[in-house]
């Protein structure tokens, strides 16, 4: 069986937990003002369990944007 390597999905999940918001709320923050918003299905694939067939790697651009948006408490207030 192939060993699953860690990717940005784990960090994305940690950002959401740390912010104390739901996955859907986090997606709304990330998508706010974006020309090409991420679909809920794609978002869930980034957050899926590492051994899930649904799992997709979360692109660096998405995790970098998430760090800027999800991590800002003033944006969530």
N, C-alpha and C. Protein backbone atom coordinates (compact mmCIF):
# COMPACT_ATOMS: atom_id res chain seq x y z
N UNK A 1 0.84 -1.18 0.00
CA UNK A 1 0.00 0.00 0.00
C UNK A 1 0.88 1.24 0.00
N UNK A 2 0.46 2.27 -0.70
CA UNK A 2 1.22 3.51 -0.77
C UNK A 2 1.14 4.28 0.53
N UNK A 3 2.25 4.86 0.93
CA UNK A 3 2.26 5.71 2.12
C UNK A 3 1.74 7.09 1.72
N UNK A 4 0.85 7.62 2.53
CA UNK A 4 0.26 8.93 2.24
C UNK A 4 1.14 9.99 2.87
N UNK A 5 1.58 10.95 2.05
CA UNK A 5 2.41 12.02 2.60
C UNK A 5 1.55 13.22 2.98
N UNK A 6 2.04 13.97 3.95
CA UNK A 6 1.33 15.15 4.44
C UNK A 6 1.32 16.23 3.36
N UNK A 7 0.20 16.93 3.24
CA UNK A 7 0.14 18.04 2.30
C UNK A 7 -0.53 19.23 2.99
N UNK A 8 -0.90 20.22 2.22
CA UNK A 8 -1.47 21.44 2.79
C UNK A 8 -2.84 21.24 3.42
N UNK A 9 -3.50 20.14 3.14
CA UNK A 9 -4.82 19.89 3.70
C UNK A 9 -4.81 19.85 5.22
N UNK A 10 -3.77 19.25 5.80
CA UNK A 10 -3.67 19.19 7.26
C UNK A 10 -3.53 20.59 7.85
N UNK A 11 -2.74 21.43 7.22
CA UNK A 11 -2.60 22.81 7.69
C UNK A 11 -3.90 23.57 7.53
N UNK A 12 -4.60 23.34 6.44
CA UNK A 12 -5.88 24.01 6.21
C UNK A 12 -6.87 23.62 7.31
N UNK A 13 -6.95 22.33 7.63
CA UNK A 13 -7.83 21.89 8.71
C UNK A 13 -7.44 22.54 10.03
N UNK A 14 -6.14 22.62 10.30
CA UNK A 14 -5.67 23.23 11.55
C UNK A 14 -6.04 24.72 11.62
N UNK A 15 -5.93 25.43 10.51
CA UNK A 15 -6.32 26.84 10.48
C UNK A 15 -7.80 27.02 10.82
N UNK A 16 -8.62 26.15 10.29
CA UNK A 16 -10.07 26.23 10.52
C UNK A 16 -10.38 25.94 11.99
N UNK A 17 -9.76 24.91 12.54
CA UNK A 17 -9.98 24.57 13.95
C UNK A 17 -9.51 25.71 14.85
N UNK A 18 -8.33 26.22 14.57
CA UNK A 18 -7.77 27.31 15.37
C UNK A 18 -8.66 28.55 15.33
N UNK A 19 -9.28 28.81 14.20
CA UNK A 19 -10.15 29.98 14.05
C UNK A 19 -11.50 29.76 14.74
N UNK A 20 -11.83 28.51 15.02
CA UNK A 20 -13.10 28.21 15.69
C UNK A 20 -14.31 28.43 14.81
N UNK A 21 -14.15 28.17 13.51
CA UNK A 21 -15.25 28.34 12.57
C UNK A 21 -15.51 27.03 11.84
N UNK A 22 -16.63 26.97 11.14
CA UNK A 22 -16.95 25.76 10.38
C UNK A 22 -16.20 25.76 9.06
N UNK A 23 -16.18 24.62 8.41
CA UNK A 23 -15.55 24.51 7.10
C UNK A 23 -16.25 25.41 6.08
N UNK A 24 -17.56 25.49 6.17
CA UNK A 24 -18.33 26.33 5.23
C UNK A 24 -18.04 27.81 5.48
N UNK A 25 -17.94 28.21 6.75
CA UNK A 25 -17.60 29.60 7.07
C UNK A 25 -16.20 29.94 6.57
N UNK A 26 -15.28 28.99 6.73
CA UNK A 26 -13.91 29.20 6.24
C UNK A 26 -13.89 29.36 4.73
N UNK A 27 -14.66 28.54 4.04
CA UNK A 27 -14.74 28.64 2.58
C UNK A 27 -15.29 30.00 2.16
N UNK A 28 -16.30 30.48 2.86
CA UNK A 28 -16.86 31.80 2.54
C UNK A 28 -15.82 32.90 2.71
N UNK A 29 -14.99 32.81 3.75
CA UNK A 29 -13.94 33.80 3.96
C UNK A 29 -12.90 33.74 2.85
N UNK A 30 -12.51 32.54 2.47
CA UNK A 30 -11.50 32.37 1.42
C UNK A 30 -12.05 32.84 0.07
N UNK A 31 -13.31 32.59 -0.19
CA UNK A 31 -13.91 32.96 -1.48
C UNK A 31 -14.28 34.43 -1.60
N UNK A 32 -14.37 35.13 -0.49
CA UNK A 32 -14.82 36.53 -0.50
C UNK A 32 -13.94 37.37 -1.43
N UNK A 33 -14.58 37.97 -2.43
CA UNK A 33 -13.88 38.85 -3.36
C UNK A 33 -13.06 38.15 -4.43
N UNK A 34 -13.16 36.84 -4.54
CA UNK A 34 -12.37 36.10 -5.52
C UNK A 34 -13.10 36.01 -6.86
N UNK A 35 -12.36 36.16 -7.93
CA UNK A 35 -12.94 36.06 -9.27
C UNK A 35 -13.34 34.62 -9.59
N UNK A 36 -12.59 33.65 -9.07
CA UNK A 36 -12.85 32.24 -9.31
C UNK A 36 -12.95 31.53 -7.97
N UNK A 37 -14.14 31.57 -7.33
CA UNK A 37 -14.30 30.95 -6.02
C UNK A 37 -14.15 29.44 -6.07
N UNK A 38 -13.75 28.88 -4.95
CA UNK A 38 -13.59 27.44 -4.80
C UNK A 38 -14.97 26.84 -4.51
N UNK A 39 -15.30 25.76 -5.18
CA UNK A 39 -16.59 25.10 -4.93
C UNK A 39 -16.53 24.34 -3.61
N UNK A 40 -17.69 24.10 -3.02
CA UNK A 40 -17.76 23.35 -1.77
C UNK A 40 -17.19 21.95 -1.95
N UNK A 41 -17.46 21.32 -3.08
CA UNK A 41 -16.96 19.98 -3.35
C UNK A 41 -15.43 19.95 -3.38
N UNK A 42 -14.82 20.92 -4.04
CA UNK A 42 -13.36 21.01 -4.10
C UNK A 42 -12.79 21.27 -2.72
N UNK A 43 -13.42 22.18 -1.97
CA UNK A 43 -12.98 22.52 -0.61
C UNK A 43 -12.98 21.26 0.26
N UNK A 44 -14.05 20.48 0.18
CA UNK A 44 -14.14 19.25 0.97
C UNK A 44 -13.06 18.25 0.55
N UNK A 45 -12.70 18.24 -0.72
CA UNK A 45 -11.65 17.32 -1.17
C UNK A 45 -10.30 17.70 -0.58
N UNK A 46 -10.06 19.00 -0.36
CA UNK A 46 -8.82 19.45 0.29
C UNK A 46 -8.79 19.03 1.75
N UNK A 47 -9.96 18.92 2.37
CA UNK A 47 -10.06 18.63 3.80
C UNK A 47 -10.31 17.15 4.10
N UNK A 48 -10.46 16.34 3.07
CA UNK A 48 -10.74 14.92 3.25
C UNK A 48 -9.57 14.21 3.94
N UNK A 49 -9.88 13.07 4.53
CA UNK A 49 -8.85 12.26 5.19
C UNK A 49 -7.74 11.92 4.20
N UNK A 50 -6.51 11.86 4.67
CA UNK A 50 -5.37 11.60 3.77
C UNK A 50 -5.48 10.32 2.95
N UNK A 51 -6.17 9.31 3.48
CA UNK A 51 -6.29 8.04 2.75
C UNK A 51 -7.59 7.93 1.95
N UNK A 52 -8.36 9.00 1.89
CA UNK A 52 -9.63 9.01 1.17
C UNK A 52 -9.40 9.11 -0.34
N UNK A 53 -10.25 8.43 -1.10
CA UNK A 53 -10.16 8.55 -2.56
C UNK A 53 -10.64 9.93 -3.01
N UNK A 54 -11.39 10.61 -2.17
CA UNK A 54 -11.88 11.97 -2.48
C UNK A 54 -10.77 13.01 -2.33
N UNK A 55 -9.74 12.70 -1.60
CA UNK A 55 -8.69 13.64 -1.23
C UNK A 55 -7.98 14.22 -2.46
N UNK A 56 -7.79 15.54 -2.45
CA UNK A 56 -7.01 16.24 -3.46
C UNK A 56 -6.03 17.15 -2.74
N UNK A 57 -4.87 17.32 -3.32
CA UNK A 57 -3.88 18.21 -2.71
C UNK A 57 -4.38 19.65 -2.75
N UNK A 58 -4.22 20.32 -1.63
CA UNK A 58 -4.59 21.73 -1.54
C UNK A 58 -3.44 22.55 -2.14
N UNK A 59 -3.69 23.30 -3.19
CA UNK A 59 -2.61 24.08 -3.83
C UNK A 59 -1.99 25.10 -2.88
N UNK A 60 -0.72 25.39 -3.10
CA UNK A 60 -0.01 26.38 -2.28
C UNK A 60 -0.72 27.73 -2.30
N UNK A 61 -1.23 28.13 -3.44
CA UNK A 61 -1.91 29.43 -3.54
C UNK A 61 -3.13 29.48 -2.62
N UNK A 62 -3.85 28.37 -2.51
CA UNK A 62 -5.04 28.32 -1.66
C UNK A 62 -4.65 28.39 -0.19
N UNK A 63 -3.65 27.62 0.23
CA UNK A 63 -3.25 27.65 1.64
C UNK A 63 -2.66 29.00 2.01
N UNK A 64 -1.92 29.62 1.11
CA UNK A 64 -1.37 30.95 1.39
C UNK A 64 -2.49 31.97 1.57
N UNK A 65 -3.50 31.91 0.72
CA UNK A 65 -4.64 32.82 0.84
C UNK A 65 -5.43 32.53 2.12
N UNK A 66 -5.57 31.26 2.45
CA UNK A 66 -6.29 30.88 3.68
C UNK A 66 -5.58 31.41 4.92
N UNK A 67 -4.26 31.37 4.91
CA UNK A 67 -3.50 31.92 6.06
C UNK A 67 -3.83 33.39 6.26
N UNK A 68 -4.01 34.11 5.17
CA UNK A 68 -4.29 35.55 5.24
C UNK A 68 -5.73 35.84 5.62
N UNK A 69 -6.66 35.00 5.20
CA UNK A 69 -8.08 35.29 5.42
C UNK A 69 -8.66 34.62 6.65
N UNK A 70 -8.41 33.35 6.83
CA UNK A 70 -8.97 32.62 7.97
C UNK A 70 -8.31 33.07 9.27
N UNK A 71 -7.06 33.44 9.19
CA UNK A 71 -6.31 33.82 10.39
C UNK A 71 -6.56 35.23 10.88
N UNK A 72 -7.48 35.97 10.26
CA UNK A 72 -7.73 37.36 10.66
C UNK A 72 -9.02 37.45 11.48
N UNK A 73 -8.92 37.55 12.81
CA UNK A 73 -10.12 37.61 13.64
C UNK A 73 -11.03 38.80 13.31
N UNK A 74 -10.47 39.93 12.93
CA UNK A 74 -11.28 41.11 12.64
C UNK A 74 -12.19 40.89 11.43
N UNK A 75 -11.79 40.04 10.52
CA UNK A 75 -12.60 39.75 9.34
C UNK A 75 -13.81 38.89 9.70
N UNK A 76 -13.71 38.11 10.79
CA UNK A 76 -14.78 37.20 11.19
C UNK A 76 -15.77 37.87 12.12
N UNK A 77 -15.40 39.00 12.72
CA UNK A 77 -16.27 39.64 13.73
C UNK A 77 -17.51 40.24 13.12
